[in-house]
C-alpha atoms as a PDB file:
ATOM      1  CA  MET A   1     -24.490  20.292  10.801  1.00  0.00           C
ATOM      2  CA  SER A   2     -22.509  18.908   7.651  1.00  0.00           C
ATOM      3  CA  ARG A   3     -18.679  18.941   6.808  1.00  0.00           C
ATOM      4  CA  THR A   4     -19.402  18.808   3.087  1.00  0.00           C
ATOM      5  CA  GLU A   5     -18.635  21.962   1.159  1.00  0.00           C
ATOM      6  CA  LEU A   6     -21.040  22.844  -1.161  1.00  0.00           C
ATOM      7  CA  LEU A   7     -18.894  24.539  -4.042  1.00  0.00           C
ATOM      8  CA  GLU A   8     -20.768  26.672  -6.774  1.00  0.00           C
ATOM      9  CA  THR A   9     -17.440  25.445  -9.635  1.00  0.00           C
ATOM     10  CA  ALA A  10     -15.413  22.179 -10.232  1.00  0.00           C
ATOM     11  CA  ASP A  11     -12.847  24.250  -9.866  1.00  0.00           C
ATOM     12  CA  GLU A  12     -12.982  25.501  -6.582  1.00  0.00           C
ATOM     13  CA  ALA A  13     -13.822  22.069  -5.923  1.00  0.00           C
ATOM     14  CA  VAL A  14     -10.462  20.788  -6.391  1.00  0.00           C
ATOM     15  CA  ALA A  15      -8.744  23.572  -5.665  1.00  0.00           C
ATOM     16  CA  GLY A  16      -5.796  23.519  -3.800  1.00  0.00           C
ATOM     17  CA  ILE A  17      -4.758  20.199  -4.692  1.00  0.00           C
ATOM     18  CA  GLU A  18      -0.584  19.662  -4.803  1.00  0.00           C
ATOM     19  CA  ASP A  19       2.280  18.503  -6.805  1.00  0.00           C
ATOM     20  CA  GLY A  20       2.437  14.500  -6.418  1.00  0.00           C
ATOM     21  CA  ALA A  21      -0.448  13.970  -4.370  1.00  0.00           C
ATOM     22  CA  THR A  22      -1.947  10.346  -5.212  1.00  0.00           C
ATOM     23  CA  ILE A  23      -5.550  10.183  -6.457  1.00  0.00           C
ATOM     24  CA  LEU A  24      -8.887   7.856  -7.087  1.00  0.00           C
ATOM     25  CA  VAL A  25     -10.365   8.546 -10.076  1.00  0.00           C
ATOM     26  CA  GLY A  26     -13.549   7.039 -10.385  1.00  0.00           C
ATOM     27  CA  GLY A  27     -15.400   5.035 -13.420  1.00  0.00           C
ATOM     28  CA  PHE A  28     -15.534   1.991 -15.531  1.00  0.00           C
ATOM     29  CA  GLY A  29     -14.066   4.217 -18.824  1.00  0.00           C
ATOM     30  CA  LEU A  30     -16.458   6.251 -19.618  1.00  0.00           C
ATOM     31  CA  ALA A  31     -18.903   4.942 -17.283  1.00  0.00           C
ATOM     32  CA  GLY A  32     -19.080   7.505 -13.720  1.00  0.00           C
ATOM     33  CA  MET A  33     -15.827   8.857 -14.961  1.00  0.00           C
ATOM     34  CA  PRO A  34     -15.900  12.721 -13.231  1.00  0.00           C
ATOM     35  CA  PHE A  35     -15.050  14.737 -16.585  1.00  0.00           C
ATOM     36  CA  ASP A  36     -15.742  18.498 -14.795  1.00  0.00           C
ATOM     37  CA  LEU A  37     -13.161  17.883 -12.116  1.00  0.00           C
ATOM     38  CA  ILE A  38     -10.747  16.279 -14.605  1.00  0.00           C
ATOM     39  CA  ASP A  39     -11.176  19.502 -16.648  1.00  0.00           C
ATOM     40  CA  ALA A  40     -10.750  21.492 -13.519  1.00  0.00           C
ATOM     41  CA  LEU A  41      -7.694  19.438 -12.662  1.00  0.00           C
ATOM     42  CA  ILE A  42      -6.087  20.393 -15.839  1.00  0.00           C
ATOM     43  CA  ARG A  43      -6.865  23.976 -15.909  1.00  0.00           C
ATOM     44  CA  GLN A  44      -5.396  23.752 -11.521  1.00  0.00           C
ATOM     45  CA  GLY A  45      -2.433  22.555 -12.698  1.00  0.00           C
ATOM     46  CA  ALA A  46      -1.544  20.332 -10.065  1.00  0.00           C
ATOM     47  CA  LYS A  47       1.382  17.805 -11.991  1.00  0.00           C
ATOM     48  CA  ASP A  48       3.423  14.483 -11.267  1.00  0.00           C
ATOM     49  CA  LEU A  49       0.384  13.076 -10.141  1.00  0.00           C
ATOM     50  CA  MET A  50      -0.431   9.311  -9.228  1.00  0.00           C
ATOM     51  CA  ILE A  51      -3.495   8.200 -10.622  1.00  0.00           C
ATOM     52  CA  VAL A  52      -5.745   5.520  -9.109  1.00  0.00           C
ATOM     53  CA  ALA A  53      -8.741   4.026 -11.779  1.00  0.00           C
ATOM     54  CA  ASN A  54      -9.846   1.209 -13.420  1.00  0.00           C
ATOM     55  CA  ASN A  55      -8.318   2.099 -16.727  1.00  0.00           C
ATOM     56  CA  ALA A  56      -6.191   4.555 -18.407  1.00  0.00           C
ATOM     57  CA  GLY A  57      -8.134   6.687 -19.993  1.00  0.00           C
ATOM     58  CA  ASN A  58     -10.140   7.053 -23.193  1.00  0.00           C
ATOM     59  CA  GLY A  59      -9.965   8.346 -26.276  1.00  0.00           C
ATOM     60  CA  GLU A  60      -8.794  12.024 -25.275  1.00  0.00           C
ATOM     61  CA  VAL A  61     -11.054  13.262 -22.969  1.00  0.00           C
ATOM     62  CA  GLY A  62     -11.203  12.645 -19.104  1.00  0.00           C
ATOM     63  CA  LEU A  63      -8.457  10.766 -17.384  1.00  0.00           C
ATOM     64  CA  ALA A  64      -6.883  10.516 -21.233  1.00  0.00           C
ATOM     65  CA  ALA A  65      -6.554  14.531 -21.553  1.00  0.00           C
ATOM     66  CA  LEU A  66      -4.887  14.143 -18.191  1.00  0.00           C
ATOM     67  CA  LEU A  67      -2.154  12.420 -19.411  1.00  0.00           C
ATOM     68  CA  LYS A  68      -1.754  14.126 -22.754  1.00  0.00           C
ATOM     69  CA  ALA A  69      -1.271  17.353 -20.386  1.00  0.00           C
ATOM     70  CA  GLY A  70       1.793  15.585 -18.856  1.00  0.00           C
ATOM     71  CA  ARG A  71       0.160  15.888 -15.287  1.00  0.00           C
ATOM     72  CA  VAL A  72       0.559  12.205 -14.582  1.00  0.00           C
ATOM     73  CA  ARG A  73       3.771  10.148 -13.040  1.00  0.00           C
ATOM     74  CA  LYS A  74       2.280   6.986 -13.063  1.00  0.00           C
ATOM     75  CA  VAL A  75      -0.734   5.180 -13.492  1.00  0.00           C
ATOM     76  CA  LEU A  76      -1.999   1.954 -10.974  1.00  0.00           C
ATOM     77  CA  CYS A  77      -4.924   0.988 -12.747  1.00  0.00           C
ATOM     78  CA  SER A  78      -6.119  -2.796 -13.407  1.00  0.00           C
ATOM     79  CA  PHE A  79      -6.643  -2.082 -17.863  1.00  0.00           C
ATOM     80  CA  PRO A  80      -3.950  -0.567 -19.224  1.00  0.00           C
ATOM     81  CA  ARG A  81      -4.514  -1.366 -22.882  1.00  0.00           C
ATOM     82  CA  GLN A  82      -7.933  -1.195 -24.833  1.00  0.00           C
ATOM     83  CA  SER A  83      -8.236   0.328 -28.550  1.00  0.00           C
ATOM     84  CA  ASP A  84      -8.554   3.841 -27.295  1.00  0.00           C
ATOM     85  CA  SER A  85      -6.201   4.007 -25.045  1.00  0.00           C
ATOM     86  CA  TRP A  86      -3.454   5.698 -27.893  1.00  0.00           C
ATOM     87  CA  VAL A  87      -2.684   8.227 -25.265  1.00  0.00           C
ATOM     88  CA  PHE A  88      -1.666   6.086 -22.485  1.00  0.00           C
ATOM     89  CA  ASP A  89       0.417   3.715 -25.101  1.00  0.00           C
ATOM     90  CA  GLU A  90       2.928   6.456 -26.235  1.00  0.00           C
ATOM     91  CA  LEU A  91       3.632   7.871 -22.981  1.00  0.00           C
ATOM     92  CA  TYR A  92       3.888   4.645 -21.421  1.00  0.00           C
ATOM     93  CA  ARG A  93       6.260   3.044 -25.024  1.00  0.00           C
ATOM     94  CA  ALA A  94       8.268   6.168 -24.792  1.00  0.00           C
ATOM     95  CA  GLY A  95       9.228   6.183 -21.029  1.00  0.00           C
ATOM     96  CA  LYS A  96       7.372   9.303 -19.599  1.00  0.00           C
ATOM     97  CA  VAL A  97       4.290   7.810 -17.161  1.00  0.00           C
ATOM     98  CA  GLU A  98       5.484   4.773 -15.298  1.00  0.00           C
ATOM     99  CA  LEU A  99       2.657   1.698 -14.599  1.00  0.00           C
ATOM    100  CA  GLU A 100       1.271  -0.445 -11.637  1.00  0.00           C
ATOM    101  CA  VAL A 101      -0.939  -3.202 -12.646  1.00  0.00           C
ATOM    102  CA  VAL A 102      -3.467  -4.544 -10.123  1.00  0.00           C
ATOM    103  CA  PRO A 103      -5.977  -6.866 -10.663  1.00  0.00           C
ATOM    104  CA  GLN A 104      -9.297  -5.491 -10.707  1.00  0.00           C
ATOM    105  CA  GLY A 105     -11.022  -7.494  -7.570  1.00  0.00           C
ATOM    106  CA  ASN A 106      -7.759  -6.754  -5.752  1.00  0.00           C
ATOM    107  CA  LEU A 107      -7.967  -2.471  -7.097  1.00  0.00           C
ATOM    108  CA  ALA A 108     -11.882  -1.846  -5.198  1.00  0.00           C
ATOM    109  CA  GLU A 109     -11.027  -4.634  -2.065  1.00  0.00           C
ATOM    110  CA  ARG A 110      -7.502  -2.740  -1.321  1.00  0.00           C
ATOM    111  CA  MET A 111      -9.235   0.349  -1.574  1.00  0.00           C
ATOM    112  CA  ARG A 112     -12.141  -1.568   0.605  1.00  0.00           C
ATOM    113  CA  ALA A 113      -9.952  -1.357   2.875  1.00  0.00           C
ATOM    114  CA  ALA A 114      -8.554   1.629   3.547  1.00  0.00           C
ATOM    115  CA  GLY A 115     -11.608   2.691   4.106  1.00  0.00           C
ATOM    116  CA  ALA A 116     -12.021  -0.057   6.324  1.00  0.00           C
ATOM    117  CA  GLY A 117      -8.981   0.737   8.374  1.00  0.00           C
ATOM    118  CA  ILE A 118      -8.048  -2.872   7.668  1.00  0.00           C
ATOM    119  CA  GLY A 119      -4.404  -3.288   7.720  1.00  0.00           C
ATOM    120  CA  ALA A 120      -3.921  -5.569   5.167  1.00  0.00           C
ATOM    121  CA  PHE A 121      -5.198  -9.033   3.606  1.00  0.00           C
ATOM    122  CA  PHE A 122      -4.414 -12.051   2.421  1.00  0.00           C
ATOM    123  CA  CYS A 123      -6.082 -12.795  -1.231  1.00  0.00           C
ATOM    124  CA  PRO A 124      -5.329 -15.593  -3.860  1.00  0.00           C
ATOM    125  CA  THR A 125      -5.555 -13.397  -6.819  1.00  0.00           C
ATOM    126  CA  ALA A 126      -2.682 -13.289  -8.703  1.00  0.00           C
ATOM    127  CA  VAL A 127      -0.630 -16.153  -6.715  1.00  0.00           C
ATOM    128  CA  GLY A 128       1.741 -18.022  -8.511  1.00  0.00           C
ATOM    129  CA  THR A 129       2.116 -14.356 -11.602  1.00  0.00           C
ATOM    130  CA  PRO A 130       4.494 -11.857 -12.128  1.00  0.00           C
ATOM    131  CA  LEU A 131       2.500  -9.600 -10.136  1.00  0.00           C
ATOM    132  CA  ALA A 132       2.984 -11.546  -7.121  1.00  0.00           C
ATOM    133  CA  GLU A 133       6.530 -10.965  -7.106  1.00  0.00           C
ATOM    134  CA  GLY A 134       8.172  -9.913  -3.853  1.00  0.00           C
ATOM    135  CA  LYS A 135       4.933  -9.722  -1.885  1.00  0.00           C
ATOM    136  CA  GLU A 136       4.781 -12.204   0.648  1.00  0.00           C
ATOM    137  CA  THR A 137       2.921 -15.230   0.034  1.00  0.00           C
ATOM    138  CA  ARG A 138       1.138 -17.478   2.964  1.00  0.00           C
ATOM    139  CA  MET A 139      -0.765 -21.091   3.220  1.00  0.00           C
ATOM    140  CA  ILE A 140      -3.861 -20.761   4.365  1.00  0.00           C
ATOM    141  CA  ASP A 141      -5.900 -23.917   5.084  1.00  0.00           C
ATOM    142  CA  GLY A 142      -3.911 -25.200   2.037  1.00  0.00           C
ATOM    143  CA  ARG A 143      -4.413 -22.710  -0.604  1.00  0.00           C
ATOM    144  CA  GLU A 144      -1.253 -20.260  -1.450  1.00  0.00           C
ATOM    145  CA  TYR A 145      -2.130 -15.934  -0.830  1.00  0.00           C
ATOM    146  CA  VAL A 146      -0.552 -13.403  -1.362  1.00  0.00           C
ATOM    147  CA  LEU A 147      -0.194 -10.110   1.408  1.00  0.00           C
ATOM    148  CA  GLU A 148      -2.267  -7.403  -0.295  1.00  0.00           C
ATOM    149  CA  TYR A 149      -1.811  -3.240   1.384  1.00  0.00           C
ATOM    150  CA  PRO A 150      -4.321  -0.976   0.948  1.00  0.00           C
ATOM    151  CA  ILE A 151      -4.551   1.640  -1.702  1.00  0.00           C
ATOM    152  CA  LYS A 152      -5.172   5.093   0.113  1.00  0.00           C
ATOM    153  CA  GLY A 153      -5.758   8.508  -2.169  1.00  0.00           C
ATOM    154  CA  ASP A 154      -4.718  11.767  -0.672  1.00  0.00           C
ATOM    155  CA  TYR A 155      -7.710  12.705  -2.798  1.00  0.00           C
ATOM    156  CA  ALA A 156     -10.730  10.868  -4.537  1.00  0.00           C
ATOM    157  CA  LEU A 157     -12.667  12.438  -7.562  1.00  0.00           C
ATOM    158  CA  ILE A 158     -15.884  10.961  -8.976  1.00  0.00           C
ATOM    159  CA  ALA A 159     -19.103  11.063  -9.898  1.00  0.00           C
ATOM    160  CA  ALA A 160     -22.219  11.010  -8.818  1.00  0.00           C
ATOM    161  CA  HIS A 161     -26.337  10.851  -9.867  1.00  0.00           C
ATOM    162  CA  ARG A 162     -27.745  12.980  -6.865  1.00  0.00           C
ATOM    163  CA  ALA A 163     -26.592  14.839  -3.605  1.00  0.00           C
ATOM    164  CA  ASP A 164     -28.190  16.435  -0.742  1.00  0.00           C
ATOM    165  CA  ARG A 165     -27.271  18.985   0.924  1.00  0.00           C
ATOM    166  CA  LEU A 166     -25.937  17.045   3.625  1.00  0.00           C
ATOM    167  CA  GLY A 167     -23.861  16.023   1.134  1.00  0.00           C
ATOM    168  CA  ASN A 168     -25.057  11.954   0.868  1.00  0.00           C
ATOM    169  CA  LEU A 169     -25.064  10.481  -2.728  1.00  0.00           C
ATOM    170  CA  VAL A 170     -26.972   8.388  -4.552  1.00  0.00           C
ATOM    171  CA  TYR A 171     -25.787   6.735  -8.351  1.00  0.00           C
ATOM    172  CA  ARG A 172     -26.883   6.049 -11.740  1.00  0.00           C
ATOM    173  CA  MET A 173     -26.509   2.490 -12.522  1.00  0.00           C
ATOM    174  CA  THR A 174     -23.180   1.067 -13.439  1.00  0.00           C
ATOM    175  CA  ALA A 175     -22.023   4.323 -13.121  1.00  0.00           C
ATOM    176  CA  ARG A 176     -21.703   3.438  -9.211  1.00  0.00           C
ATOM    177  CA  ASN A 177     -18.997   1.027 -10.187  1.00  0.00           C
ATOM    178  CA  PHE A 178     -15.431   2.693  -8.034  1.00  0.00           C
ATOM    179  CA  GLY A 179     -16.792   5.346  -6.610  1.00  0.00           C
ATOM    180  CA  PRO A 180     -18.502   4.120  -3.336  1.00  0.00           C
ATOM    181  CA  VAL A 181     -15.137   2.571  -1.679  1.00  0.00           C
ATOM    182  CA  MET A 182     -13.026   5.581  -3.706  1.00  0.00           C
ATOM    183  CA  ALA A 183     -14.948   7.800  -1.467  1.00  0.00           C
ATOM    184  CA  THR A 184     -14.164   5.889   1.298  1.00  0.00           C
ATOM    185  CA  ALA A 185     -10.313   5.785   0.365  1.00  0.00           C
ATOM    186  CA  GLY A 186      -9.543   9.523  -0.240  1.00  0.00           C
ATOM    187  CA  THR A 187      -8.671  11.931   2.583  1.00  0.00           C
ATOM    188  CA  THR A 188     -10.619  14.266   0.527  1.00  0.00           C
ATOM    189  CA  THR A 189     -13.213  13.464  -1.504  1.00  0.00           C
ATOM    190  CA  ILE A 190     -14.846  15.402  -4.100  1.00  0.00           C
ATOM    191  CA  VAL A 191     -17.737  14.518  -5.829  1.00  0.00           C
ATOM    192  CA  GLN A 192     -19.730  16.226  -9.580  1.00  0.00           C
ATOM    193  CA  VAL A 193     -23.838  15.355  -9.798  1.00  0.00           C
ATOM    194  CA  SER A 194     -26.042  15.911 -11.453  1.00  0.00           C
ATOM    195  CA  GLU A 195     -28.518  17.937  -9.161  1.00  0.00           C
ATOM    196  CA  VAL A 196     -28.202  18.846  -5.643  1.00  0.00           C
ATOM    197  CA  VAL A 197     -31.779  18.104  -4.163  1.00  0.00           C
ATOM    198  CA  ASP A 198     -32.728  19.654  -0.708  1.00  0.00           C
ATOM    199  CA  THR A 199     -31.994  17.160   2.288  1.00  0.00           C
ATOM    200  CA  GLY A 200     -34.690  14.871   3.254  1.00  0.00           C
ATOM    201  CA  THR A 201     -35.445  14.074  -0.418  1.00  0.00           C
ATOM    202  CA  LEU A 202     -33.615  11.375  -0.875  1.00  0.00           C
ATOM    203  CA  ASP A 203     -35.020   7.812   0.264  1.00  0.00           C
ATOM    204  CA  PRO A 204     -32.598   6.661   2.996  1.00  0.00           C
ATOM    205  CA  GLU A 205     -32.287   2.663   1.673  1.00  0.00           C
ATOM    206  CA  ALA A 206     -31.227   4.294  -1.384  1.00  0.00           C
ATOM    207  CA  VAL A 207     -28.443   6.310  -0.199  1.00  0.00           C
ATOM    208  CA  VAL A 208     -25.165   4.579  -1.266  1.00  0.00           C
ATOM    209  CA  THR A 209     -22.166   7.019   0.404  1.00  0.00           C
ATOM    210  CA  PRO A 210     -23.036   8.708   3.272  1.00  0.00           C
ATOM    211  CA  SER A 211     -21.788  12.315   4.006  1.00  0.00           C
ATOM    212  CA  ILE A 212     -19.769  11.561   6.111  1.00  0.00           C
ATOM    213  CA  TYR A 213     -17.219  10.366   3.451  1.00  0.00           C
ATOM    214  CA  VAL A 214     -18.085  13.387   1.647  1.00  0.00           C
ATOM    215  CA  ASP A 215     -15.582  16.893   1.637  1.00  0.00           C
ATOM    216  CA  ARG A 216     -16.658  18.773  -1.569  1.00  0.00           C
ATOM    217  CA  VAL A 217     -19.928  18.852  -3.999  1.00  0.00           C
ATOM    218  CA  VAL A 218     -20.267  20.810  -7.221  1.00  0.00           C
ATOM    219  CA  GLN A 219     -24.147  20.259  -9.669  1.00  0.00           C
ATOM    220  CA  VAL A 220     -22.434  19.919 -12.977  1.00  0.00           C
ATOM    221  CA  ASP A 221     -24.465  20.156 -16.546  1.00  0.00           C
ATOM    222  CA  ALA A 222     -25.112  16.682 -17.789  1.00  0.00           C
ATOM    223  CA  ARG A 223     -22.929  16.713 -20.759  1.00  0.00           C
ATOM    224  CA  HIS A 224     -22.143  13.678 -22.660  1.00  0.00           C
ATOM    225  CA  TYR A 225     -19.053  12.650 -24.269  1.00  0.00           C
ATOM    226  CA  THR A 226     -17.343  10.660 -26.782  1.00  0.00           C
ATOM    227  CA  VAL A 227     -14.646   9.024 -27.959  1.00  0.00           C
ATOM    228  CA  GLN A 228     -13.384   9.256 -31.867  1.00  0.00           C
ATOM    229  CA  GLY A 229     -12.849   5.752 -33.054  1.00  0.00           C
ATOM    230  CA  ALA A 230      -9.438   4.368 -32.638  1.00  0.00           C
ATOM    231  CA  ARG A 231      -6.324   5.597 -34.253  1.00  0.00           C
END
């Protein structure tokens, strides 16, 4: 018997997310971003959130819309600034949102470590830079490394292509990005998919995220978000 819940609406899927929660949000720019779940989270009203993502939003949709709604206390990401990150830029300059920058490889590995039960690991990335200030370092085989700790989420919001009724997931090309590691690192993993198929329909060799990591699934209508030109 699967523990995964198949829900009717995105609003049901994000019900119960608490103020102050740490939320892992999938996506690389707009690719693979769980737009419907984020829109539902805005309607749900949770605030003072810590968001872990690759970047800090594009235009005024998805993660940027959550920021614009004033629901985010802190962003932990790799790429906070780009041509269409004006929502984050304005909030950060006004002192209304905190920022922690994490190199992209470290970001992925720290979440993978959380899912794998690894207490910490040494990594050479960021040695000798401000990102390593205050962190333990160690010489290993003649090279300096920085101690990094796992990143865990109270919730993970991700988008996949298809799910079966047990909650096994397959992704669509580069929309996969951070989805698999976030699914393992979130205490409660919530997934939007374009289609839910009968169990046994998915090729087992194509399943990337097994159902054991998935708590809630909602099927949403395929929609295409566009970002207006930078201001």
